[in-house]
Amino acid sequence: MPGKSPKGRSAGSTPPGTSFADLGLPVVLVHSLKNAGVSEPFPIQIAAVPDALAGRDVLGRAPTGSGKTLAFGLPLLVRLAGRRSEPAAPRGLVLVPTRELALQIHEVLDQHGATFGLRTLGVVGGVPLERNVREIQRGVDIVVATPGRLNDLLERRSISLDRIEMTVIDEADRMVDMGFLPQIESLLAATPPDGQRLLFSATLDQDTDRLVQRFMDDPAEHSTADSVSVPDIAHYVFEVDPARKTAIAAALANRDGRTLLFVRTTHAVDRLTDECRRLGVPVSSLHGNKTQAHRTRSLAAFADGSSPALIATDVAARGVHVDDVTLVVHVDPPVDSKDYVHRAGRTARAGASGTVVTLATGDQMARVRAMAEEAKISPVIVDTEADPTSWHRTTGARTPIGRPLPGPADASSSAHGERPDRKARRGAVPSRHERAGRTGGGRGGHRGRRG
């Protein structure tokens, strides 16, 4: 399929006051959204849904938290409604970079797809391959997959993409950064060339544009703000003494409100988690060396507020799409402005406000300033040694009381000897039918860089 230059309108150009019904969605789906507490569409949904419903390819440039899941999910459900897929031949495909994001998208599609009797399956590492095969053979309408696991199933001839009618690539730029570009191209090439394709990405660089040019036909382009530098996000850089960095991070994790802390390595996640719990701060952790059972429980605890602070690596946290994150902390400064944008996008979701703090030692300040300039933000610089109180007021940080929490340093971590519960071992992404009592489980992985 020859690619053409994308054309379209900005998502922000659509008049306000538009309802889901105005977008052309069936009444039954509008009611399903209302029952889930979703009453008004976001700009990217208002702009993209009509074109997707009309059958056009869509290129959406939108940051995390802008409502992308429903922007592609609603047209996908409408297109597939009224028919059932044959065994091992789904008709809808959503490709995502991480297991956690797959789980969240699966939950949304499964909830609203029940309105039409559609079945959704998560195809990700952490769920036994044979379990995926059994479910696929029974017939599923939509597959939400990480590229590596889906490629494994194709190599085994356990699934066919010949009947795919609509393919969605979510967080395309992050998948390219993670080394998935060859697999994405191979998977798209395995779908019918006349199928509808929707691609969503916060940024559109050369490699991502390669996908657009090769696999999309005159896509309608819809863009939200290109930068996270919006009034709803306050940006700070806290210059810290290296000897006090961990203590400051623990105080930030100890605040009221949902807090997401980014560190660079898996070992650093474990060290900071252990130290926080030693100081009495209830945190959970997320990285690629954790079992899928642990990852699922940590994300669930963060989402329901039972563990209001989550410490994670970049790769693992790319799937953390949780509302009401009021503070993002770069315990380790991000590598570049793109990473900053994606990390910062975890706060100020769904129209809320938020704060982003970068902890930087003296020798990191020049690089952090340059990165901020590239990201088009103007953070407030705070010297935490010269001004030891204002950063507490700014963030609500509280010095821990120093009473170790009972139990293992990371209560949900298999690294500390926990035995995963049976439900978690059954798989990370249960379908609506599985939640009604079906079983399975095990572990697996996907190719490419893990987190």
Protein backbone atom coordinates (compact mmCIF):
# COMPACT_ATOMS: atom_id res chain seq x y z
CA MET A 1 0.00 0.00 0.00
CA PRO A 2 1.65 3.26 -1.03
CA GLY A 3 2.00 5.78 1.76
CA LYS A 4 1.07 9.43 1.43
CA SER A 5 1.73 12.51 3.48
CA PRO A 6 -0.71 12.59 6.40
CA LYS A 7 -3.30 15.30 6.39
CA GLY A 8 -5.92 16.26 8.90
CA ARG A 9 -6.94 18.72 11.56
CA SER A 10 -5.71 19.42 15.05
CA ALA A 11 -7.58 17.65 17.80
CA GLY A 12 -7.96 20.95 19.50
CA SER A 13 -9.82 22.54 16.57
CA THR A 14 -13.09 20.67 17.15
CA PRO A 15 -15.80 22.80 18.79
CA PRO A 16 -16.41 22.04 22.47
CA GLY A 17 -19.63 20.48 23.72
CA THR A 18 -19.50 17.45 21.42
CA SER A 19 -20.92 14.26 22.95
CA PHE A 20 -20.12 10.62 22.25
CA ALA A 21 -23.47 10.33 20.50
CA ASP A 22 -22.49 13.22 18.22
CA LEU A 23 -19.45 11.20 17.10
CA GLY A 24 -21.70 8.60 15.49
CA LEU A 25 -21.36 5.86 18.11
CA PRO A 26 -24.24 3.40 18.65
CA VAL A 27 -26.55 4.25 21.54
CA VAL A 28 -25.73 1.00 23.32
CA LEU A 29 -22.03 1.92 23.36
CA VAL A 30 -22.78 5.44 24.60
CA HIS A 31 -24.73 3.86 27.46
CA SER A 32 -21.83 1.52 28.22
CA LEU A 33 -19.49 4.51 28.46
CA LYS A 34 -21.94 6.36 30.71
CA ASN A 35 -22.23 3.35 33.01
CA ALA A 36 -18.43 3.37 33.30
CA GLY A 37 -18.48 7.03 34.31
CA VAL A 38 -17.28 8.33 30.93
CA SER A 39 -19.66 11.04 29.80
CA GLU A 40 -17.68 13.49 27.66
CA PRO A 41 -15.08 12.76 24.97
CA PHE A 42 -11.57 14.20 25.03
CA PRO A 43 -10.28 16.28 22.10
CA ILE A 44 -8.30 13.42 20.50
CA GLN A 45 -11.45 11.27 20.63
CA ILE A 46 -13.62 14.00 19.15
CA ALA A 47 -11.17 14.47 16.29
CA ALA A 48 -10.14 10.88 15.54
CA VAL A 49 -13.28 8.79 16.12
CA PRO A 50 -15.34 10.09 13.15
CA ASP A 51 -12.51 9.48 10.68
CA ALA A 52 -11.86 6.02 12.13
CA LEU A 53 -15.57 5.17 11.98
CA ALA A 54 -15.55 6.27 8.35
CA GLY A 55 -12.83 3.72 7.62
CA ARG A 56 -9.91 6.09 7.19
CA ASP A 57 -6.40 5.39 8.38
CA VAL A 58 -5.63 7.66 11.32
CA LEU A 59 -2.35 9.08 12.60
CA GLY A 60 -2.78 10.41 16.12
CA ARG A 61 -0.07 12.47 17.74
CA ALA A 62 -1.04 12.66 21.37
CA PRO A 63 0.78 12.35 24.69
CA THR A 64 0.04 9.90 27.45
CA GLY A 65 -3.21 10.66 29.28
CA SER A 66 -4.97 12.28 26.35
CA GLY A 67 -7.61 9.58 25.85
CA LYS A 68 -6.00 7.54 23.08
CA THR A 69 -7.40 4.18 24.21
CA LEU A 70 -11.00 5.16 23.53
CA ALA A 71 -9.96 7.13 20.44
CA PHE A 72 -8.98 3.89 18.74
CA GLY A 73 -10.92 1.42 20.91
CA LEU A 74 -14.42 2.73 20.20
CA PRO A 75 -14.12 2.59 16.38
CA LEU A 76 -12.50 -0.85 16.69
CA LEU A 77 -15.46 -2.20 18.65
CA VAL A 78 -18.01 -0.66 16.28
CA ARG A 79 -16.27 -2.06 13.22
CA LEU A 80 -16.16 -5.61 14.58
CA ALA A 81 -19.68 -5.63 16.09
CA GLY A 82 -22.32 -8.01 14.79
CA ARG A 83 -20.01 -10.87 13.75
CA ARG A 84 -17.82 -13.45 15.47
CA SER A 85 -14.26 -14.29 14.53
CA GLU A 86 -13.19 -17.76 13.44
CA PRO A 87 -10.83 -19.80 15.64
CA ALA A 88 -7.23 -18.55 15.54
CA ALA A 89 -8.23 -15.69 13.21
CA PRO A 90 -8.93 -12.45 15.12
CA ARG A 91 -10.24 -9.44 13.25
CA GLY A 92 -8.82 -6.69 15.45
CA LEU A 93 -5.21 -6.19 16.54
CA VAL A 94 -3.69 -3.70 19.00
CA LEU A 95 0.11 -3.62 19.32
CA VAL A 96 1.61 -2.06 22.46
CA PRO A 97 5.10 -1.87 23.99
CA THR A 98 4.51 -3.36 27.45
CA ARG A 99 2.52 -5.96 29.33
CA GLU A 100 1.08 -3.40 31.71
CA LEU A 101 -0.29 -1.23 28.92
CA ALA A 102 -1.74 -4.33 27.25
CA LEU A 103 -3.53 -5.21 30.48
CA GLN A 104 -5.09 -1.76 30.76
CA ILE A 105 -6.20 -1.58 27.13
CA HIS A 106 -7.53 -5.13 27.35
CA GLU A 107 -9.64 -4.19 30.37
CA VAL A 108 -11.21 -1.22 28.57
CA LEU A 109 -11.95 -3.14 25.36
CA ASP A 110 -13.23 -6.16 27.26
CA GLN A 111 -15.61 -4.02 29.31
CA HIS A 112 -17.19 -2.16 26.42
CA GLY A 113 -16.82 -5.00 23.92
CA ALA A 114 -19.16 -7.09 26.09
CA THR A 115 -21.89 -4.78 24.80
CA PHE A 116 -21.46 -6.39 21.38
CA GLY A 117 -20.50 -9.87 22.56
CA LEU A 118 -16.89 -9.35 21.45
CA ARG A 119 -14.04 -11.28 23.08
CA THR A 120 -10.66 -9.67 23.77
CA LEU A 121 -7.42 -11.50 24.59
CA GLY A 122 -4.16 -10.16 25.99
CA VAL A 123 -1.18 -11.79 24.28
CA VAL A 124 1.85 -10.89 26.36
CA GLY A 125 4.87 -12.27 28.13
CA GLY A 126 4.12 -13.49 31.62
CA VAL A 127 1.24 -15.64 30.39
CA PRO A 128 2.14 -19.19 29.26
CA LEU A 129 2.37 -19.51 25.51
CA GLU A 130 0.19 -22.62 25.57
CA ARG A 131 -2.51 -20.70 27.41
CA ASN A 132 -2.51 -18.07 24.67
CA VAL A 133 -2.78 -20.84 22.07
CA ARG A 134 -5.79 -22.44 23.77
CA GLU A 135 -7.67 -19.15 24.02
CA ILE A 136 -6.89 -18.19 20.43
CA GLN A 137 -8.08 -21.55 19.16
CA ARG A 138 -11.40 -21.00 20.92
CA GLY A 139 -11.87 -17.81 18.93
CA VAL A 140 -11.21 -14.19 19.93
CA ASP A 141 -12.23 -11.03 18.16
CA ILE A 142 -9.51 -8.64 19.34
CA VAL A 143 -5.92 -9.38 20.32
CA VAL A 144 -3.99 -6.85 22.40
CA ALA A 145 -0.36 -7.90 22.09
CA THR A 146 3.26 -7.09 22.67
CA PRO A 147 5.23 -7.65 19.44
CA GLY A 148 7.52 -10.38 20.74
CA ARG A 149 4.80 -12.68 22.05
CA LEU A 150 2.62 -12.23 18.96
CA ASN A 151 5.59 -13.03 16.75
CA ASP A 152 6.18 -16.22 18.77
CA LEU A 153 2.60 -17.30 18.08
CA LEU A 154 2.95 -16.57 14.38
CA GLU A 155 6.14 -18.60 14.16
CA ARG A 156 4.28 -21.53 15.74
CA ARG A 157 1.42 -21.03 13.27
CA SER A 158 -0.90 -20.75 16.27
CA ILE A 159 -2.53 -17.56 15.01
CA SER A 160 -3.33 -16.02 11.66
CA LEU A 161 -3.47 -12.32 10.89
CA ASP A 162 -5.07 -12.88 7.48
CA ARG A 163 -8.51 -11.74 8.72
CA ILE A 164 -7.40 -8.60 10.53
CA GLU A 165 -9.68 -5.71 9.57
CA MET A 166 -8.24 -3.01 11.83
CA THR A 167 -4.74 -2.73 13.30
CA VAL A 168 -3.80 -0.23 16.01
CA ILE A 169 -0.23 0.66 16.95
CA ASP A 170 -0.19 2.47 20.28
CA GLU A 171 2.88 4.32 21.61
CA ALA A 172 4.64 3.66 18.33
CA ASP A 173 7.63 5.83 19.21
CA ARG A 174 8.25 3.90 22.42
CA MET A 175 8.14 0.57 20.60
CA VAL A 176 10.66 1.90 18.08
CA ASP A 177 12.90 3.07 20.93
CA MET A 178 12.66 -0.42 22.48
CA GLY A 179 13.92 -2.05 19.29
CA PHE A 180 10.60 -3.42 18.06
CA LEU A 181 10.57 -1.71 14.65
CA PRO A 182 11.53 -4.84 12.62
CA GLN A 183 8.91 -6.92 14.41
CA ILE A 184 6.22 -4.28 13.96
CA GLU A 185 6.96 -4.09 10.24
CA SER A 186 6.83 -7.88 9.98
CA LEU A 187 3.52 -8.04 11.84
CA LEU A 188 1.92 -5.28 9.78
CA ALA A 189 3.08 -7.01 6.61
CA ALA A 190 1.24 -10.13 7.80
CA THR A 191 -2.10 -8.27 7.93
CA PRO A 192 -4.23 -7.63 4.81
CA PRO A 193 -2.87 -4.66 2.84
CA ASP A 194 -6.34 -3.14 2.51
CA GLY A 195 -6.98 -3.24 6.27
CA GLN A 196 -7.58 -0.08 8.26
CA ARG A 197 -4.64 1.12 10.38
CA LEU A 198 -4.46 3.55 13.27
CA LEU A 199 -1.12 4.70 14.66
CA PHE A 200 -0.75 6.73 17.84
CA SER A 201 2.51 8.27 18.96
CA ALA A 202 3.58 11.13 21.21
CA THR A 203 6.35 12.00 18.77
CA LEU A 204 6.90 11.31 15.07
CA ASP A 205 10.57 10.77 14.26
CA GLN A 206 12.18 9.24 11.19
CA ASP A 207 11.64 5.59 12.16
CA THR A 208 8.03 6.13 13.20
CA ASP A 209 7.36 8.04 10.01
CA ARG A 210 8.74 5.01 8.14
CA LEU A 211 5.77 3.02 9.42
CA VAL A 212 3.37 5.73 8.29
CA GLN A 213 4.83 5.93 4.81
CA ARG A 214 4.95 2.17 4.28
CA PHE A 215 1.73 0.96 5.86
CA MET A 216 -0.79 3.80 5.96
CA ASP A 217 -2.89 5.17 3.10
CA ASP A 218 -3.48 8.93 3.19
CA PRO A 219 -4.04 8.96 6.97
CA ALA A 220 -6.01 11.68 8.66
CA GLU A 221 -3.69 13.32 11.19
CA HIS A 222 -4.93 14.57 14.53
CA SER A 223 -2.59 16.23 17.00
CA THR A 224 -2.81 17.45 20.54
CA ALA A 225 -0.15 19.59 22.19
CA ASP A 226 3.36 18.63 21.06
CA SER A 227 4.87 19.47 24.44
CA VAL A 228 4.12 18.64 28.05
CA SER A 229 4.76 22.29 28.82
CA VAL A 230 1.15 23.11 29.65
CA PRO A 231 -0.30 25.14 32.54
CA ASP A 232 -1.55 22.00 34.29
CA ILE A 233 1.98 20.67 34.89
CA ALA A 234 4.47 22.45 37.14
CA HIS A 235 8.10 21.52 36.43
CA TYR A 236 10.94 21.65 38.97
CA VAL A 237 14.58 20.66 39.11
CA PHE A 238 15.83 19.94 42.63
CA GLU A 239 19.61 20.20 42.84
CA VAL A 240 20.63 17.63 45.46
CA ASP A 241 23.71 16.51 47.32
CA PRO A 242 24.43 12.92 46.16
CA ALA A 243 24.61 11.83 49.81
CA ARG A 244 21.05 13.07 50.43
CA LYS A 245 19.42 11.99 47.18
CA THR A 246 17.88 8.79 48.59
CA ALA A 247 16.54 10.60 51.67
CA ILE A 248 14.91 13.26 49.47
CA ALA A 249 13.41 10.60 47.20
CA ALA A 250 12.00 8.80 50.26
CA ALA A 251 10.44 12.02 51.55
CA LEU A 252 8.81 12.59 48.18
CA ALA A 253 7.48 9.02 48.17
CA ASN A 254 6.09 9.62 51.67
CA ARG A 255 3.79 12.46 50.63
CA ASP A 256 0.02 12.29 50.39
CA GLY A 257 -1.20 11.58 46.89
CA ARG A 258 -0.22 9.15 44.16
CA THR A 259 3.48 9.43 43.30
CA LEU A 260 5.48 7.75 40.53
CA LEU A 261 9.27 7.64 40.92
CA PHE A 262 11.54 6.77 37.99
CA VAL A 263 15.01 5.28 38.38
CA ARG A 264 17.38 4.02 35.73
CA THR A 265 18.13 0.39 36.66
CA THR A 266 16.40 -2.60 38.20
CA HIS A 267 18.96 -2.74 41.00
CA ALA A 268 18.31 0.92 41.80
CA VAL A 269 14.58 0.19 42.00
CA ASP A 270 15.19 -2.55 44.54
CA ARG A 271 17.63 -0.45 46.58
CA LEU A 272 15.31 2.55 46.79
CA THR A 273 12.33 0.31 47.55
CA ASP A 274 14.20 -1.40 50.37
CA GLU A 275 15.35 1.91 51.83
CA CYS A 276 11.87 3.44 51.68
CA ARG A 277 10.32 0.49 53.45
CA ARG A 278 13.12 0.53 56.02
CA LEU A 279 12.13 4.12 56.72
CA GLY A 280 8.45 3.21 57.00
CA VAL A 281 7.34 4.45 53.56
CA PRO A 282 4.80 2.08 51.91
CA VAL A 283 5.99 1.78 48.32
CA SER A 284 5.67 -0.84 45.61
CA SER A 285 8.04 -1.50 42.73
CA LEU A 286 7.99 -2.41 39.07
CA HIS A 287 10.74 -3.62 36.75
CA GLY A 288 11.39 -6.33 34.19
CA ASN A 289 13.12 -8.75 36.54
CA LYS A 290 10.00 -9.06 38.67
CA THR A 291 7.58 -11.92 38.07
CA GLN A 292 4.45 -11.10 36.13
CA ALA A 293 2.46 -11.84 39.29
CA HIS A 294 4.44 -9.19 41.14
CA ARG A 295 4.10 -6.67 38.31
CA THR A 296 0.35 -7.17 38.17
CA ARG A 297 -0.09 -6.77 41.92
CA SER A 298 2.17 -3.72 42.13
CA LEU A 299 0.29 -1.94 39.37
CA ALA A 300 -3.07 -2.88 40.89
CA ALA A 301 -1.97 -1.59 44.31
CA PHE A 302 -0.81 1.66 42.73
CA ALA A 303 -4.05 2.04 40.78
CA ASP A 304 -6.35 1.39 43.75
CA GLY A 305 -4.30 3.58 46.12
CA SER A 306 -3.31 0.89 48.59
CA SER A 307 0.31 1.64 47.65
CA PRO A 308 0.31 5.34 46.72
CA ALA A 309 3.97 5.43 45.64
CA LEU A 310 5.41 3.30 42.83
CA ILE A 311 9.14 3.04 42.05
CA ALA A 312 9.82 1.87 38.51
CA THR A 313 12.25 1.71 35.64
CA ASP A 314 11.49 3.53 32.40
CA VAL A 315 10.67 0.43 30.38
CA ALA A 316 8.30 -1.05 32.97
CA ALA A 317 6.56 2.24 33.65
CA ARG A 318 5.74 2.84 29.99
CA GLY A 319 2.63 0.82 30.63
CA VAL A 320 1.59 2.72 33.75
CA HIS A 321 -1.47 4.66 32.65
CA VAL A 322 -3.10 5.51 35.97
CA ASP A 323 -5.18 8.61 36.60
CA ASP A 324 -4.62 10.87 39.60
CA VAL A 325 -0.82 10.66 39.64
CA THR A 326 -0.12 14.07 41.16
CA LEU A 327 3.68 13.87 41.26
CA VAL A 328 6.26 12.35 38.93
CA VAL A 329 9.82 12.21 40.26
CA HIS A 330 12.84 11.65 38.06
CA VAL A 331 15.05 10.18 40.77
CA ASP A 332 17.53 9.59 37.97
CA PRO A 333 17.26 12.27 35.27
CA PRO A 334 15.91 10.92 31.98
CA VAL A 335 18.34 10.24 29.17
CA ASP A 336 16.75 12.66 26.71
CA SER A 337 13.79 14.97 26.18
CA LYS A 338 11.62 12.21 24.71
CA ASP A 339 11.99 10.19 27.88
CA TYR A 340 11.16 13.30 29.89
CA VAL A 341 7.98 13.85 27.88
CA HIS A 342 6.82 10.28 28.37
CA ARG A 343 7.63 10.20 32.07
CA ALA A 344 5.97 13.57 32.67
CA GLY A 345 2.89 12.39 30.78
CA ARG A 346 2.06 10.07 33.68
CA THR A 347 0.72 13.07 35.59
CA ALA A 348 -1.93 15.64 34.63
CA ARG A 349 -3.99 12.96 32.92
CA ALA A 350 -7.66 13.40 32.06
CA GLY A 351 -7.50 17.16 32.51
CA ALA A 352 -6.03 17.06 36.02
CA SER A 353 -3.02 19.04 37.22
CA GLY A 354 0.31 17.63 38.31
CA THR A 355 3.91 18.27 39.26
CA VAL A 356 7.12 16.92 37.77
CA VAL A 357 10.38 16.98 39.75
CA THR A 358 13.85 16.05 38.51
CA LEU A 359 16.53 15.28 41.10
CA ALA A 360 19.91 16.34 39.76
CA THR A 361 23.35 16.41 41.34
CA GLY A 362 25.68 19.30 40.60
CA ASP A 363 27.48 17.51 37.77
CA GLN A 364 24.14 16.67 36.12
CA MET A 365 22.71 20.17 36.10
CA ALA A 366 24.10 21.27 32.73
CA ARG A 367 22.70 18.22 30.96
CA VAL A 368 19.34 18.57 32.71
CA ARG A 369 19.08 22.23 31.69
CA ALA A 370 19.84 21.33 28.07
CA MET A 371 17.25 18.55 28.12
CA ALA A 372 14.62 20.90 29.56
CA GLU A 373 15.30 23.40 26.80
CA GLU A 374 14.92 20.68 24.17
CA ALA A 375 11.64 19.60 25.77
CA LYS A 376 10.48 23.24 25.62
CA ILE A 377 9.92 23.56 29.35
CA SER A 378 11.19 26.12 31.85
CA PRO A 379 11.51 24.35 35.20
CA VAL A 380 11.95 26.14 38.51
CA ILE A 381 15.42 25.38 39.90
CA VAL A 382 15.60 24.67 43.64
CA ASP A 383 18.86 24.17 45.55
CA THR A 384 17.75 21.78 48.28
CA GLU A 385 20.84 22.45 50.40
CA ALA A 386 20.57 26.25 50.30
CA ASP A 387 16.77 26.13 50.57
CA PRO A 388 15.89 23.02 52.61
CA THR A 389 12.20 23.80 53.20
CA SER A 390 10.57 25.14 50.05
CA TRP A 391 10.72 21.81 48.22
CA HIS A 392 8.68 20.25 51.02
CA ARG A 393 5.99 22.90 50.57
CA THR A 394 6.06 22.59 46.80
CA THR A 395 5.55 18.83 46.72
CA GLY A 396 4.03 17.94 50.08
CA ALA A 397 7.08 15.80 50.88
CA ARG A 398 7.26 14.44 54.42
CA THR A 399 10.33 13.19 56.21
CA PRO A 400 9.79 9.47 57.02
CA ILE A 401 9.38 8.51 60.67
CA GLY A 402 12.02 5.80 60.39
CA ARG A 403 9.95 2.84 61.56
CA PRO A 404 10.55 -0.16 59.27
CA LEU A 405 7.44 -1.70 57.79
CA PRO A 406 6.76 -5.28 58.89
CA GLY A 407 7.45 -8.15 56.54
CA PRO A 408 9.86 -8.37 53.59
CA ALA A 409 11.50 -5.21 52.29
CA ASP A 410 9.26 -5.48 49.24
CA ALA A 411 6.18 -7.35 50.35
CA SER A 412 5.06 -8.22 46.86
CA SER A 413 8.43 -9.17 45.44
CA SER A 414 9.31 -12.76 44.63
CA ALA A 415 12.92 -11.73 45.07
CA HIS A 416 12.24 -11.70 48.79
CA GLY A 417 10.76 -15.16 48.96
CA GLU A 418 7.08 -14.55 48.40
CA ARG A 419 4.98 -17.22 46.76
CA PRO A 420 2.83 -15.76 43.96
CA ASP A 421 -0.86 -16.27 44.61
CA ARG A 422 -2.71 -18.72 42.39
CA LYS A 423 -4.77 -16.06 40.66
CA ALA A 424 -1.67 -14.10 39.65
CA ARG A 425 0.06 -17.24 38.36
CA ARG A 426 -2.86 -17.82 36.04
CA GLY A 427 -1.83 -14.92 33.83
CA ALA A 428 -1.53 -11.20 33.72
CA VAL A 429 -4.37 -10.36 31.37
CA PRO A 430 -7.53 -12.37 32.16
CA SER A 431 -10.43 -12.02 29.78
CA ARG A 432 -14.00 -11.38 30.81
CA HIS A 433 -14.63 -15.10 30.43
CA GLU A 434 -11.55 -15.98 32.47
CA ARG A 435 -12.71 -13.72 35.27
CA ALA A 436 -15.85 -15.84 35.37
CA GLY A 437 -13.79 -18.84 36.42
CA ARG A 438 -11.44 -20.14 33.72
CA THR A 439 -7.91 -21.03 34.71
CA GLY A 440 -4.35 -21.03 33.38
CA GLY A 441 -1.01 -19.43 34.17
CA GLY A 442 2.77 -19.50 34.09
CA ARG A 443 5.41 -17.25 32.76
CA GLY A 444 6.83 -16.05 29.50
CA GLY A 445 8.47 -13.10 27.85
CA HIS A 446 8.76 -11.06 24.70
CA ARG A 447 11.67 -10.27 22.55
CA GLY A 448 13.32 -6.93 22.60
CA ARG A 449 14.49 -4.86 25.52
CA ARG A 450 12.71 -5.71 28.74
CA GLY A 451 11.73 -3.61 31.71
